[in-house]
Amino acid sequence: GANLAYLAFNTTRKPLDDPRVRRALALALDRQGMVAHLFAGRARLAESVIPEGFLGHDPAFRFPARDVAGDKALLKEAGLPDGFETTLWVMPNPRPYLPEPKRIAQAVQANLAEIGVKARILSQDWGAYLDAVQSGKHDLCFMGWTTDNGDPDNFAYVLLDRDNATKGAASNVSFYADEAVHGWLLEAQATPDEAKRAALYAKVMEKVREDCPILPLASTDGLAATRAGVEGFKLHPVGIPILSRVKLR
């Protein structure tokens, strides 16, 4: 599946406006364990906002691994040695990129508690949830994206650019607004050379790893069920069932 599940930090709300705090929370999370146990064996750990198989995806790129001592040091440096209280918003129903939303929220909550961060889990029905996170009412929230067209711009620009951080209609629900990232993303849109585009996306990913507005979690397999007697069924990478060649016998 050409999708991404991620945790977004609302960069407009204190203390999450401090990148040290966001990096500390990221270091607290056992992403590998979550993917291994909460995705039914149907997902891969995501290390980049750009999924595998896309231009600009670097298989060697990594977010830092879990480091409880390191994240406590970052919180102390940020003036929060005893942690803080926050909210963790999660959708109420499974999504193709997040099959166990409530359980993964509980796992994140438990990890954060180890560094003194008390996260209160909040949830609303899907429509109200989307409205809340697109309006910036959250501190932390789970979201995901499935590509519309197979181009890396459809992930990087949609999820990270300042143009998409308008409260009330945001697809950039971290409300991250970095000028350098904005410039690189616009340049990548206007650059036909694939090697140059890949180099620009590499710059974006390095800056995102440093600033940590969102933390990639997983890319899940595309799944569909059919009954006996269905022939020629194909599932498109964007999740659309292709029925033009389906036969029933």
Protein backbone atom coordinates (compact mmCIF):
# COMPACT_ATOMS: atom_id res chain seq x y z
CA GLY A 1 0.00 0.00 0.00
CA ALA A 2 1.22 3.49 -0.87
CA ASN A 3 0.31 4.97 2.48
CA LEU A 4 1.74 6.38 5.70
CA ALA A 5 0.54 6.36 9.30
CA TYR A 6 2.15 9.02 11.47
CA LEU A 7 2.01 10.91 14.74
CA ALA A 8 1.76 14.69 14.38
CA PHE A 9 2.96 17.23 16.94
CA ASN A 10 1.08 20.52 16.89
CA THR A 11 4.01 22.92 16.54
CA THR A 12 1.83 25.93 17.41
CA ARG A 13 1.07 24.75 20.96
CA LYS A 14 3.42 24.95 23.93
CA PRO A 15 5.62 23.16 24.82
CA LEU A 16 5.47 21.40 21.44
CA ASP A 17 6.63 24.59 19.71
CA ASP A 18 10.12 23.60 20.95
CA PRO A 19 11.74 21.04 18.60
CA ARG A 20 13.70 19.62 21.55
CA VAL A 21 10.42 18.61 23.16
CA ARG A 22 9.14 17.04 19.95
CA ARG A 23 12.38 15.08 19.51
CA ALA A 24 12.17 13.94 23.13
CA LEU A 25 8.68 12.53 22.62
CA ALA A 26 9.79 10.81 19.43
CA LEU A 27 12.73 9.20 21.22
CA ALA A 28 10.39 7.84 23.89
CA LEU A 29 8.37 5.74 21.46
CA ASP A 30 8.97 2.09 20.68
CA ARG A 31 7.90 2.36 17.05
CA GLN A 32 9.43 -1.00 16.13
CA GLY A 33 7.42 -2.77 18.83
CA MET A 34 4.22 -1.02 17.83
CA VAL A 35 4.59 -2.03 14.19
CA ALA A 36 5.49 -5.59 15.15
CA HIS A 37 2.54 -6.12 17.48
CA LEU A 38 -0.27 -3.73 16.50
CA PHE A 39 -0.45 -4.03 12.72
CA ALA A 40 -1.26 -7.76 12.40
CA GLY A 41 1.98 -8.44 10.54
CA ARG A 42 0.75 -6.32 7.63
CA ALA A 43 2.99 -3.25 7.88
CA ARG A 44 6.56 -2.02 7.63
CA LEU A 45 8.20 0.50 9.93
CA ALA A 46 8.22 3.89 8.20
CA GLU A 47 11.39 5.95 8.50
CA SER A 48 10.45 8.69 6.05
CA VAL A 49 7.42 10.74 5.11
CA ILE A 50 7.99 9.41 1.57
CA PRO A 51 7.11 5.68 1.48
CA GLU A 52 9.11 2.86 -0.09
CA GLY A 53 9.00 2.68 -3.86
CA PHE A 54 8.65 6.42 -4.36
CA LEU A 55 11.15 8.79 -5.88
CA GLY A 56 13.01 10.44 -3.00
CA HIS A 57 12.73 7.51 -0.60
CA ASP A 58 16.17 6.71 0.82
CA PRO A 59 16.25 3.17 2.31
CA ALA A 60 19.24 4.18 4.46
CA PHE A 61 17.40 7.11 6.05
CA ARG A 62 16.45 6.56 9.71
CA PHE A 63 14.79 8.44 12.52
CA PRO A 64 16.66 7.98 15.82
CA ALA A 65 15.87 4.73 17.64
CA ARG A 66 14.22 4.70 21.06
CA ASP A 67 16.44 6.33 23.69
CA VAL A 68 14.76 6.99 27.05
CA ALA A 69 17.90 8.52 28.60
CA GLY A 70 18.35 10.79 25.60
CA ASP A 71 14.77 12.03 25.64
CA LYS A 72 14.90 12.79 29.37
CA ALA A 73 18.02 14.85 28.73
CA LEU A 74 16.25 16.78 25.97
CA LEU A 75 13.28 17.52 28.23
CA LYS A 76 15.65 18.76 30.94
CA GLU A 77 17.41 20.97 28.39
CA ALA A 78 14.03 22.37 27.36
CA GLY A 79 13.22 23.23 30.99
CA LEU A 80 10.83 20.32 31.55
CA PRO A 81 12.78 17.85 33.72
CA ASP A 82 9.59 16.57 35.34
CA GLY A 83 7.68 16.21 32.09
CA PHE A 84 4.31 17.81 31.36
CA GLU A 85 0.67 17.04 30.58
CA THR A 86 -0.65 16.86 27.04
CA THR A 87 -3.46 15.45 24.91
CA LEU A 88 -3.22 12.60 22.43
CA TRP A 89 -6.00 12.54 19.84
CA VAL A 90 -6.88 9.30 18.08
CA MET A 91 -9.56 8.44 15.53
CA PRO A 92 -12.29 6.11 16.85
CA ASN A 93 -12.39 3.68 13.94
CA PRO A 94 -9.76 1.63 12.11
CA ARG A 95 -8.22 3.15 9.01
CA PRO A 96 -6.34 1.30 6.25
CA TYR A 97 -3.07 2.78 7.55
CA LEU A 98 -3.94 2.34 11.27
CA PRO A 99 -5.89 -0.85 12.01
CA GLU A 100 -5.70 -0.62 15.83
CA PRO A 101 -5.96 3.11 16.63
CA LYS A 102 -7.02 2.80 20.27
CA ARG A 103 -4.37 0.21 21.16
CA ILE A 104 -1.57 2.15 19.48
CA ALA A 105 -2.67 5.29 21.34
CA GLN A 106 -2.43 3.36 24.60
CA ALA A 107 1.06 2.16 23.64
CA VAL A 108 2.19 5.73 22.95
CA GLN A 109 0.61 6.87 26.20
CA ALA A 110 2.53 4.20 28.14
CA ASN A 111 5.84 5.08 26.47
CA LEU A 112 5.41 8.77 27.21
CA ALA A 113 4.57 8.06 30.84
CA GLU A 114 8.06 6.58 31.23
CA ILE A 115 9.56 10.04 30.71
CA GLY A 116 7.03 11.88 32.87
CA VAL A 117 4.74 13.01 30.05
CA LYS A 118 1.09 12.40 30.94
CA ALA A 119 -0.92 12.08 27.75
CA ARG A 120 -4.73 12.11 28.00
CA ILE A 121 -6.28 10.17 25.12
CA LEU A 122 -9.16 11.95 23.37
CA SER A 123 -11.38 10.71 20.55
CA GLN A 124 -14.46 11.81 18.63
CA ASP A 125 -16.42 10.40 15.71
CA TRP A 126 -14.50 10.53 12.43
CA GLY A 127 -16.03 13.72 11.08
CA ALA A 128 -15.59 15.64 14.32
CA TYR A 129 -12.08 14.22 14.69
CA LEU A 130 -11.01 15.48 11.27
CA ASP A 131 -12.48 18.89 11.99
CA ALA A 132 -10.67 19.08 15.33
CA VAL A 133 -7.20 18.14 14.10
CA GLN A 134 -7.48 20.18 10.89
CA SER A 135 -8.36 23.14 13.11
CA GLY A 136 -5.40 22.56 15.44
CA LYS A 137 -7.31 21.67 18.60
CA HIS A 138 -4.95 18.80 19.41
CA ASP A 139 -1.51 18.59 20.98
CA LEU A 140 -0.57 15.22 19.47
CA CYS A 141 -2.69 13.31 16.98
CA PHE A 142 -2.61 10.25 14.77
CA MET A 143 -3.21 10.71 11.08
CA GLY A 144 -2.43 8.98 7.83
CA TRP A 145 -2.29 9.53 4.11
CA THR A 146 -2.69 7.42 0.99
CA THR A 147 -1.27 8.78 -2.24
CA ASP A 148 -3.52 10.23 -4.88
CA ASN A 149 -1.06 9.98 -7.76
CA GLY A 150 2.17 8.14 -6.89
CA ASP A 151 4.38 11.22 -6.74
CA PRO A 152 6.45 12.07 -3.61
CA ASP A 153 5.09 15.62 -3.72
CA ASN A 154 1.72 14.13 -2.79
CA PHE A 155 3.20 13.14 0.58
CA ALA A 156 5.91 15.71 1.31
CA TYR A 157 4.08 18.83 0.15
CA VAL A 158 0.66 17.77 1.42
CA LEU A 159 1.86 16.83 4.91
CA LEU A 160 4.70 19.30 5.52
CA ASP A 161 4.29 22.52 3.58
CA ARG A 162 3.16 25.78 5.13
CA ASP A 163 0.66 26.23 2.29
CA ASN A 164 -1.33 23.34 3.74
CA ALA A 165 -1.33 24.55 7.35
CA THR A 166 -4.43 26.75 7.23
CA LYS A 167 -6.41 26.02 10.38
CA GLY A 168 -9.81 24.63 9.57
CA ALA A 169 -8.68 22.92 6.37
CA ALA A 170 -5.14 21.72 7.11
CA SER A 171 -3.61 18.58 5.64
CA ASN A 172 -0.40 19.65 7.43
CA VAL A 173 -1.84 18.98 10.90
CA SER A 174 1.47 19.67 12.63
CA PHE A 175 1.14 23.25 11.30
CA TYR A 176 4.83 23.12 10.49
CA ALA A 177 5.92 26.21 8.55
CA ASP A 178 9.64 26.06 7.79
CA GLU A 179 10.83 28.45 5.08
CA ALA A 180 13.68 26.25 3.87
CA VAL A 181 11.39 23.22 3.55
CA HIS A 182 8.81 25.35 1.73
CA GLY A 183 11.46 26.47 -0.77
CA TRP A 184 12.77 22.96 -1.40
CA LEU A 185 9.27 21.56 -1.90
CA LEU A 186 8.34 24.24 -4.42
CA GLU A 187 11.63 23.73 -6.26
CA ALA A 188 10.98 19.97 -6.39
CA GLN A 189 7.56 20.63 -7.94
CA ALA A 190 9.19 22.63 -10.75
CA THR A 191 12.20 20.36 -11.35
CA PRO A 192 11.84 17.66 -14.06
CA ASP A 193 15.22 16.05 -13.32
CA GLU A 194 14.60 13.05 -11.03
CA ALA A 195 18.06 13.06 -9.44
CA LYS A 196 17.70 16.73 -8.54
CA ARG A 197 14.23 16.13 -7.15
CA ALA A 198 15.50 13.23 -5.02
CA ALA A 199 18.28 15.46 -3.65
CA LEU A 200 15.72 18.13 -2.70
CA TYR A 201 13.53 15.59 -0.91
CA ALA A 202 16.63 14.35 0.94
CA LYS A 203 17.12 17.88 2.28
CA VAL A 204 13.49 18.01 3.33
CA MET A 205 13.73 14.70 5.20
CA GLU A 206 16.92 15.73 7.01
CA LYS A 207 15.26 18.94 8.19
CA VAL A 208 12.12 17.09 9.23
CA ARG A 209 14.18 14.60 11.22
CA GLU A 210 15.84 17.53 13.01
CA ASP A 211 12.65 19.52 13.63
CA CYS A 212 10.35 16.49 14.12
CA PRO A 213 6.94 18.01 13.34
CA ILE A 214 5.67 14.53 12.54
CA LEU A 215 6.95 11.05 13.33
CA PRO A 216 6.41 8.35 10.67
CA LEU A 217 5.05 5.10 12.10
CA ALA A 218 4.16 2.58 9.41
CA SER A 219 3.16 1.83 5.84
CA THR A 220 0.56 -0.93 5.66
CA ASP A 221 -0.23 -3.56 3.05
CA GLY A 222 -3.22 -3.03 0.80
CA LEU A 223 -5.87 -5.62 1.63
CA ALA A 224 -9.13 -6.71 0.04
CA ALA A 225 -11.34 -9.76 0.47
CA THR A 226 -13.00 -11.67 -2.36
CA ARG A 227 -15.19 -14.76 -2.40
CA ALA A 228 -14.54 -17.95 -4.30
CA GLY A 229 -15.22 -17.61 -8.01
CA VAL A 230 -13.85 -14.09 -8.41
CA GLU A 231 -11.18 -13.90 -11.13
CA GLY A 232 -9.02 -11.05 -12.41
CA PHE A 233 -9.39 -8.80 -9.36
CA LYS A 234 -6.59 -6.28 -8.82
CA LEU A 235 -6.04 -3.84 -5.98
CA HIS A 236 -4.42 -0.58 -7.08
CA PRO A 237 -1.63 0.78 -4.81
CA VAL A 238 -3.84 3.72 -3.83
CA GLY A 239 -6.47 1.26 -2.58
CA ILE A 240 -8.95 1.55 -5.43
CA PRO A 241 -10.39 -1.80 -6.57
CA ILE A 242 -9.95 -2.35 -10.30
CA LEU A 243 -13.06 -4.13 -11.57
CA SER A 244 -12.76 -3.76 -15.35
CA ARG A 245 -11.33 -7.27 -15.80
CA VAL A 246 -13.17 -9.06 -13.03
CA LYS A 247 -15.09 -12.19 -13.94
CA LEU A 248 -17.42 -14.27 -11.82
CA ARG A 249 -17.73 -17.99 -12.30
